[in-house]
Amino acid sequence: QVQLVESGGGSVQAGGSLRLSCAASGYIASSYFMGWFRQAPGKEREGVAAIYPGNPKTYYAYYADSVKGRFTISQDNAKNTLYLQMNSLKPEDTAMYYCAADRVRSRTPVYFGSSWYQAYEYNYWGQGTQVTVSS
């Protein structure tokens, strides 16, 4: 059973940085894609960034337009940990952030590139970590 545990959330001022971590267990990194989602009060859950496994030690990365150039997703397979480095944070980044994952199965990189931000593509979810950005 895949288990995901997020950490690293907190409160920062606008322009600050945070790094979220997602410790994963019960999976094989080369067989799973993973992503970060966020949900603000009263809003739908939205995809922030995701990775799709490529050749050993490489992966494809995808980002929402709202975070491109500010957020970086990465993965340390040796530690079974997914990261989200968030720089130049804005008040509109305030939300609960969730880590998610699922087996690649038959989903190709081309398919995933057009669907990575859809929550229904992921079967495994963490409990979330809160990020609050004040102006």
N, C-alpha and C. Protein backbone atom coordinates (compact mmCIF):
# COMPACT_ATOMS: atom_id res chain seq x y z
N GLN A 1 0.84 -1.19 0.00
CA GLN A 1 0.00 0.00 0.00
C GLN A 1 0.88 1.25 0.00
N VAL A 2 0.61 2.13 -0.92
CA VAL A 2 1.39 3.37 -1.00
C VAL A 2 0.94 4.32 0.10
N GLN A 3 1.89 4.88 0.80
CA GLN A 3 1.60 5.89 1.82
C GLN A 3 2.42 7.14 1.53
N LEU A 4 1.77 8.29 1.68
CA LEU A 4 2.41 9.58 1.40
C LEU A 4 2.23 10.49 2.61
N VAL A 5 3.33 11.09 3.06
CA VAL A 5 3.28 11.98 4.23
C VAL A 5 3.98 13.29 3.88
N GLU A 6 3.21 14.37 3.88
CA GLU A 6 3.77 15.68 3.55
C GLU A 6 4.31 16.38 4.80
N SER A 7 5.25 17.26 4.57
CA SER A 7 5.78 18.11 5.64
C SER A 7 6.38 19.36 5.01
N GLY A 8 6.70 20.33 5.85
CA GLY A 8 7.39 21.52 5.36
C GLY A 8 6.52 22.75 5.20
N GLY A 9 5.23 22.62 5.42
CA GLY A 9 4.36 23.78 5.31
C GLY A 9 4.62 24.76 6.45
N GLY A 10 4.02 25.93 6.33
CA GLY A 10 4.18 26.94 7.38
C GLY A 10 3.67 28.28 6.92
N SER A 11 4.01 29.30 7.69
CA SER A 11 3.59 30.66 7.40
C SER A 11 4.80 31.50 7.02
N VAL A 12 4.70 32.19 5.89
CA VAL A 12 5.78 33.04 5.43
C VAL A 12 5.20 34.33 4.89
N GLN A 13 6.05 35.33 4.76
CA GLN A 13 5.63 36.57 4.14
C GLN A 13 5.80 36.47 2.63
N ALA A 14 5.06 37.31 1.93
CA ALA A 14 5.16 37.34 0.47
C ALA A 14 6.61 37.57 0.06
N GLY A 15 7.02 36.82 -0.96
CA GLY A 15 8.40 36.89 -1.42
C GLY A 15 9.30 35.85 -0.79
N GLY A 16 8.80 35.18 0.23
CA GLY A 16 9.58 34.16 0.92
C GLY A 16 9.57 32.83 0.21
N SER A 17 10.21 31.85 0.85
CA SER A 17 10.35 30.52 0.26
C SER A 17 9.99 29.44 1.28
N LEU A 18 9.54 28.32 0.76
CA LEU A 18 9.31 27.12 1.56
C LEU A 18 9.66 25.92 0.69
N ARG A 19 10.05 24.83 1.32
CA ARG A 19 10.25 23.58 0.61
C ARG A 19 9.38 22.51 1.25
N LEU A 20 8.47 21.99 0.47
CA LEU A 20 7.61 20.90 0.92
C LEU A 20 8.26 19.57 0.60
N SER A 21 8.04 18.61 1.47
CA SER A 21 8.54 17.26 1.27
C SER A 21 7.39 16.28 1.35
N CYS A 22 7.50 15.21 0.60
CA CYS A 22 6.51 14.14 0.62
C CYS A 22 7.27 12.82 0.73
N ALA A 23 7.23 12.23 1.91
CA ALA A 23 7.88 10.94 2.14
C ALA A 23 6.96 9.83 1.68
N ALA A 24 7.43 9.00 0.78
CA ALA A 24 6.61 7.95 0.19
C ALA A 24 7.11 6.57 0.59
N SER A 25 6.20 5.65 0.73
CA SER A 25 6.56 4.27 1.01
C SER A 25 5.61 3.35 0.25
N GLY A 26 6.05 2.11 0.05
CA GLY A 26 5.20 1.12 -0.60
C GLY A 26 5.09 1.26 -2.10
N TYR A 27 6.07 1.89 -2.73
CA TYR A 27 6.01 2.05 -4.19
C TYR A 27 7.43 1.98 -4.77
N ILE A 28 7.46 1.88 -6.11
CA ILE A 28 8.73 1.90 -6.84
C ILE A 28 8.74 3.16 -7.70
N ALA A 29 9.69 4.05 -7.45
CA ALA A 29 9.70 5.36 -8.10
C ALA A 29 9.61 5.26 -9.61
N SER A 30 10.27 4.27 -10.20
CA SER A 30 10.30 4.18 -11.66
C SER A 30 8.96 3.78 -12.25
N SER A 31 8.03 3.34 -11.40
CA SER A 31 6.73 2.86 -11.88
C SER A 31 5.58 3.80 -11.55
N TYR A 32 5.87 4.89 -10.86
CA TYR A 32 4.82 5.80 -10.41
C TYR A 32 5.09 7.23 -10.89
N PHE A 33 4.02 7.95 -11.21
CA PHE A 33 4.13 9.39 -11.34
C PHE A 33 3.60 10.02 -10.06
N MET A 34 4.08 11.23 -9.80
CA MET A 34 3.72 11.90 -8.55
C MET A 34 3.45 13.37 -8.81
N GLY A 35 2.65 13.97 -7.95
CA GLY A 35 2.31 15.36 -8.15
C GLY A 35 2.01 16.09 -6.85
N TRP A 36 1.97 17.40 -6.96
CA TRP A 36 1.54 18.28 -5.87
C TRP A 36 0.26 18.99 -6.31
N PHE A 37 -0.70 19.00 -5.42
CA PHE A 37 -1.95 19.71 -5.63
C PHE A 37 -2.13 20.68 -4.46
N ARG A 38 -3.02 21.65 -4.65
CA ARG A 38 -3.35 22.55 -3.56
C ARG A 38 -4.84 22.88 -3.61
N GLN A 39 -5.35 23.21 -2.43
CA GLN A 39 -6.75 23.58 -2.34
C GLN A 39 -6.90 24.69 -1.32
N ALA A 40 -7.40 25.81 -1.79
CA ALA A 40 -7.68 26.95 -0.92
C ALA A 40 -9.14 26.88 -0.48
N PRO A 41 -9.48 27.48 0.65
CA PRO A 41 -10.87 27.45 1.12
C PRO A 41 -11.83 27.97 0.05
N GLY A 42 -12.88 27.18 -0.19
CA GLY A 42 -13.89 27.58 -1.15
C GLY A 42 -13.52 27.39 -2.59
N LYS A 43 -12.35 26.80 -2.85
CA LYS A 43 -11.91 26.58 -4.22
C LYS A 43 -11.69 25.10 -4.48
N GLU A 44 -11.66 24.76 -5.76
CA GLU A 44 -11.41 23.38 -6.14
C GLU A 44 -9.92 23.05 -6.00
N ARG A 45 -9.65 21.76 -5.84
CA ARG A 45 -8.27 21.32 -5.79
C ARG A 45 -7.64 21.50 -7.17
N GLU A 46 -6.44 22.05 -7.20
CA GLU A 46 -5.79 22.30 -8.48
C GLU A 46 -4.38 21.70 -8.50
N GLY A 47 -4.00 21.23 -9.68
CA GLY A 47 -2.66 20.69 -9.84
C GLY A 47 -1.64 21.81 -9.87
N VAL A 48 -0.54 21.61 -9.16
CA VAL A 48 0.54 22.60 -9.07
C VAL A 48 1.74 22.15 -9.91
N ALA A 49 2.15 20.91 -9.72
CA ALA A 49 3.31 20.38 -10.43
C ALA A 49 3.27 18.85 -10.36
N ALA A 50 3.94 18.22 -11.31
CA ALA A 50 3.97 16.75 -11.31
C ALA A 50 5.22 16.27 -12.02
N ILE A 51 5.58 15.02 -11.74
CA ILE A 51 6.70 14.40 -12.43
C ILE A 51 6.27 13.04 -12.96
N TYR A 52 6.85 12.67 -14.08
CA TYR A 52 6.60 11.38 -14.72
C TYR A 52 7.95 10.72 -14.90
N PRO A 53 8.11 9.46 -14.48
CA PRO A 53 9.43 8.83 -14.54
C PRO A 53 9.93 8.65 -15.96
N GLY A 54 11.21 9.01 -16.17
CA GLY A 54 11.83 8.80 -17.46
C GLY A 54 12.88 7.72 -17.33
N ASN A 55 14.01 7.91 -17.97
CA ASN A 55 15.11 6.96 -17.80
C ASN A 55 15.59 7.03 -16.35
N PRO A 56 16.35 6.02 -15.91
CA PRO A 56 16.81 6.07 -14.52
C PRO A 56 17.40 7.41 -14.15
N LYS A 57 17.00 7.94 -13.03
CA LYS A 57 17.48 9.19 -12.46
C LYS A 57 17.01 10.43 -13.21
N THR A 58 16.09 10.26 -14.16
CA THR A 58 15.52 11.44 -14.84
C THR A 58 14.00 11.36 -14.78
N TYR A 59 13.35 12.46 -15.06
CA TYR A 59 11.89 12.49 -15.07
C TYR A 59 11.43 13.69 -15.87
N TYR A 60 10.18 13.63 -16.30
CA TYR A 60 9.53 14.75 -16.95
C TYR A 60 8.85 15.58 -15.86
N ALA A 61 8.90 16.89 -15.96
CA ALA A 61 8.28 17.76 -14.97
C ALA A 61 7.24 18.64 -15.64
N TYR A 62 6.14 18.87 -14.94
CA TYR A 62 5.04 19.67 -15.44
C TYR A 62 4.65 20.68 -14.38
N TYR A 63 4.24 21.88 -14.82
CA TYR A 63 3.89 22.94 -13.89
C TYR A 63 2.64 23.67 -14.33
N ALA A 64 1.88 24.12 -13.36
CA ALA A 64 0.78 25.04 -13.65
C ALA A 64 1.38 26.39 -14.05
N ASP A 65 0.68 27.09 -14.93
CA ASP A 65 1.19 28.39 -15.39
C ASP A 65 1.39 29.34 -14.22
N SER A 66 0.56 29.23 -13.21
CA SER A 66 0.61 30.16 -12.08
C SER A 66 1.87 30.01 -11.23
N VAL A 67 2.58 28.90 -11.39
CA VAL A 67 3.77 28.68 -10.55
C VAL A 67 5.05 28.53 -11.35
N LYS A 68 4.95 28.52 -12.68
CA LYS A 68 6.14 28.37 -13.50
C LYS A 68 7.16 29.46 -13.20
N GLY A 69 8.41 29.07 -13.06
CA GLY A 69 9.47 30.02 -12.76
C GLY A 69 9.63 30.30 -11.28
N ARG A 70 8.68 29.86 -10.46
CA ARG A 70 8.74 30.10 -9.01
C ARG A 70 8.87 28.79 -8.23
N PHE A 71 8.20 27.76 -8.70
CA PHE A 71 8.21 26.46 -8.01
C PHE A 71 9.03 25.46 -8.80
N THR A 72 9.68 24.55 -8.08
CA THR A 72 10.44 23.48 -8.70
C THR A 72 10.12 22.16 -8.02
N ILE A 73 9.69 21.19 -8.81
CA ILE A 73 9.42 19.85 -8.29
C ILE A 73 10.64 18.98 -8.54
N SER A 74 10.96 18.14 -7.57
CA SER A 74 12.09 17.24 -7.72
C SER A 74 11.85 15.99 -6.89
N GLN A 75 12.69 15.00 -7.14
CA GLN A 75 12.51 13.71 -6.47
C GLN A 75 13.86 13.13 -6.12
N ASP A 76 13.98 12.60 -4.92
CA ASP A 76 15.17 11.89 -4.50
C ASP A 76 14.78 10.43 -4.33
N ASN A 77 15.08 9.61 -5.33
CA ASN A 77 14.65 8.22 -5.28
C ASN A 77 15.31 7.45 -4.15
N ALA A 78 16.54 7.83 -3.80
CA ALA A 78 17.23 7.13 -2.72
C ALA A 78 16.52 7.32 -1.39
N LYS A 79 15.87 8.47 -1.24
CA LYS A 79 15.15 8.76 0.00
C LYS A 79 13.65 8.57 -0.15
N ASN A 80 13.20 8.14 -1.34
CA ASN A 80 11.76 7.99 -1.60
C ASN A 80 11.01 9.25 -1.21
N THR A 81 11.52 10.38 -1.61
CA THR A 81 10.93 11.65 -1.21
C THR A 81 10.74 12.56 -2.42
N LEU A 82 9.58 13.17 -2.46
CA LEU A 82 9.23 14.16 -3.48
C LEU A 82 9.31 15.53 -2.82
N TYR A 83 9.82 16.52 -3.55
CA TYR A 83 9.96 17.86 -3.02
C TYR A 83 9.23 18.88 -3.89
N LEU A 84 8.86 19.98 -3.28
CA LEU A 84 8.36 21.14 -4.01
C LEU A 84 9.03 22.37 -3.41
N GLN A 85 10.00 22.91 -4.14
CA GLN A 85 10.65 24.15 -3.71
C GLN A 85 9.81 25.31 -4.21
N MET A 86 9.37 26.14 -3.27
CA MET A 86 8.49 27.26 -3.61
C MET A 86 9.19 28.57 -3.28
N ASN A 87 9.48 29.34 -4.29
CA ASN A 87 10.13 30.64 -4.12
C ASN A 87 9.19 31.76 -4.55
N SER A 88 9.53 32.97 -4.16
CA SER A 88 8.73 34.15 -4.52
C SER A 88 7.25 33.91 -4.23
N LEU A 89 6.97 33.43 -3.05
CA LEU A 89 5.60 33.09 -2.70
C LEU A 89 4.71 34.32 -2.67
N LYS A 90 3.45 34.09 -3.06
CA LYS A 90 2.45 35.15 -3.12
C LYS A 90 1.29 34.78 -2.20
N PRO A 91 0.52 35.77 -1.74
CA PRO A 91 -0.64 35.45 -0.91
C PRO A 91 -1.59 34.46 -1.59
N GLU A 92 -1.71 34.52 -2.89
CA GLU A 92 -2.60 33.60 -3.61
C GLU A 92 -2.08 32.16 -3.63
N ASP A 93 -0.87 31.93 -3.15
CA ASP A 93 -0.36 30.56 -3.01
C ASP A 93 -0.85 29.90 -1.72
N THR A 94 -1.52 30.67 -0.88
CA THR A 94 -2.03 30.13 0.38
C THR A 94 -3.04 29.02 0.11
N ALA A 95 -2.79 27.86 0.70
CA ALA A 95 -3.66 26.70 0.47
C ALA A 95 -3.13 25.52 1.27
N MET A 96 -3.94 24.47 1.31
CA MET A 96 -3.46 23.17 1.79
C MET A 96 -2.82 22.48 0.58
N TYR A 97 -1.61 22.00 0.77
CA TYR A 97 -0.88 21.35 -0.31
C TYR A 97 -0.86 19.84 -0.07
N TYR A 98 -1.17 19.11 -1.14
CA TYR A 98 -1.26 17.65 -1.07
C TYR A 98 -0.28 17.01 -2.04
N CYS A 99 0.29 15.92 -1.60
CA CYS A 99 1.11 15.07 -2.44
C CYS A 99 0.23 13.94 -2.96
N ALA A 100 0.42 13.54 -4.21
CA ALA A 100 -0.39 12.48 -4.79
C ALA A 100 0.47 11.60 -5.70
N ALA A 101 0.02 10.37 -5.91
CA ALA A 101 0.79 9.43 -6.73
C ALA A 101 -0.12 8.37 -7.33
N ASP A 102 0.36 7.73 -8.38
CA ASP A 102 -0.32 6.57 -8.93
C ASP A 102 0.64 5.83 -9.83
N ARG A 103 0.34 4.57 -10.10
CA ARG A 103 1.15 3.78 -11.00
C ARG A 103 0.99 4.30 -12.42
N VAL A 104 2.07 4.23 -13.16
CA VAL A 104 2.05 4.68 -14.55
C VAL A 104 1.08 3.84 -15.38
N ARG A 105 1.12 2.52 -15.20
CA ARG A 105 0.29 1.58 -15.98
C ARG A 105 0.48 1.88 -17.45
N SER A 106 -0.60 2.13 -18.19
CA SER A 106 -0.52 2.34 -19.65
C SER A 106 -0.47 3.81 -20.02
N ARG A 107 -0.39 4.69 -19.05
CA ARG A 107 -0.40 6.13 -19.36
C ARG A 107 0.98 6.59 -19.82
N THR A 108 1.04 7.02 -21.05
CA THR A 108 2.29 7.44 -21.67
C THR A 108 2.65 8.87 -21.25
N PRO A 109 3.90 9.28 -21.48
CA PRO A 109 4.26 10.68 -21.18
C PRO A 109 3.40 11.67 -21.94
N VAL A 110 3.04 11.35 -23.19
CA VAL A 110 2.20 12.26 -23.97
C VAL A 110 0.84 12.41 -23.31
N TYR A 111 0.25 11.29 -22.94
CA TYR A 111 -1.06 11.34 -22.27
C TYR A 111 -0.94 12.11 -20.96
N PHE A 112 0.07 11.76 -20.15
CA PHE A 112 0.21 12.39 -18.85
C PHE A 112 0.44 13.88 -18.98
N GLY A 113 1.13 14.29 -20.04
CA GLY A 113 1.38 15.70 -20.24
C GLY A 113 0.12 16.53 -20.39
N SER A 114 -0.98 15.90 -20.81
CA SER A 114 -2.24 16.61 -20.98
C SER A 114 -3.21 16.36 -19.85
N SER A 115 -2.81 15.55 -18.88
CA SER A 115 -3.76 15.19 -17.82
C SER A 115 -3.17 15.25 -16.42
N TRP A 116 -1.92 15.62 -16.27
CA TRP A 116 -1.23 15.55 -14.98
C TRP A 116 -1.94 16.36 -13.90
N TYR A 117 -2.67 17.39 -14.27
CA TYR A 117 -3.29 18.30 -13.30
C TYR A 117 -4.68 17.82 -12.86
N GLN A 118 -5.12 16.70 -13.40
CA GLN A 118 -6.43 16.18 -13.05
C GLN A 118 -6.32 15.27 -11.83
N ALA A 119 -7.04 15.61 -10.78
CA ALA A 119 -6.95 14.84 -9.54
C ALA A 119 -7.37 13.39 -9.74
N TYR A 120 -8.26 13.11 -10.68
CA TYR A 120 -8.74 11.74 -10.87
C TYR A 120 -7.67 10.79 -11.41
N GLU A 121 -6.54 11.35 -11.86
CA GLU A 121 -5.46 10.49 -12.35
C GLU A 121 -4.67 9.84 -11.20
N TYR A 122 -4.88 10.30 -9.99
CA TYR A 122 -4.08 9.87 -8.84
C TYR A 122 -4.94 9.08 -7.86
N ASN A 123 -4.48 7.94 -7.44
CA ASN A 123 -5.21 7.12 -6.49
C ASN A 123 -4.72 7.25 -5.06
N TYR A 124 -3.51 7.74 -4.89
CA TYR A 124 -2.92 7.82 -3.56
C TYR A 124 -2.68 9.28 -3.19
N TRP A 125 -3.09 9.62 -1.98
CA TRP A 125 -3.01 11.00 -1.52
C TRP A 125 -2.48 11.07 -0.10
N GLY A 126 -1.73 12.15 0.18
CA GLY A 126 -1.33 12.41 1.55
C GLY A 126 -2.40 13.22 2.26
N GLN A 127 -2.12 13.55 3.52
CA GLN A 127 -3.08 14.28 4.35
C GLN A 127 -2.99 15.79 4.16
N GLY A 128 -1.91 16.25 3.58
CA GLY A 128 -1.79 17.67 3.30
C GLY A 128 -0.94 18.41 4.31
N THR A 129 -0.39 19.54 3.87
CA THR A 129 0.37 20.43 4.74
C THR A 129 -0.02 21.87 4.36
N GLN A 130 -0.28 22.68 5.38
CA GLN A 130 -0.81 24.02 5.14
C GLN A 130 0.32 25.01 4.83
N VAL A 131 0.09 25.81 3.80
CA VAL A 131 0.99 26.91 3.44
C VAL A 131 0.20 28.21 3.51
N THR A 132 0.70 29.15 4.29
CA THR A 132 0.04 30.44 4.43
C THR A 132 1.04 31.55 4.09
N VAL A 133 0.67 32.39 3.13
CA VAL A 133 1.55 33.48 2.71
C VAL A 133 0.85 34.80 3.02
N SER A 134 1.48 35.61 3.83
CA SER A 134 0.89 36.89 4.21
C SER A 134 1.51 38.03 3.40
N SER A 135 0.72 39.05 3.17
CA SER A 135 1.18 40.19 2.36
C SER A 135 1.86 41.23 3.22
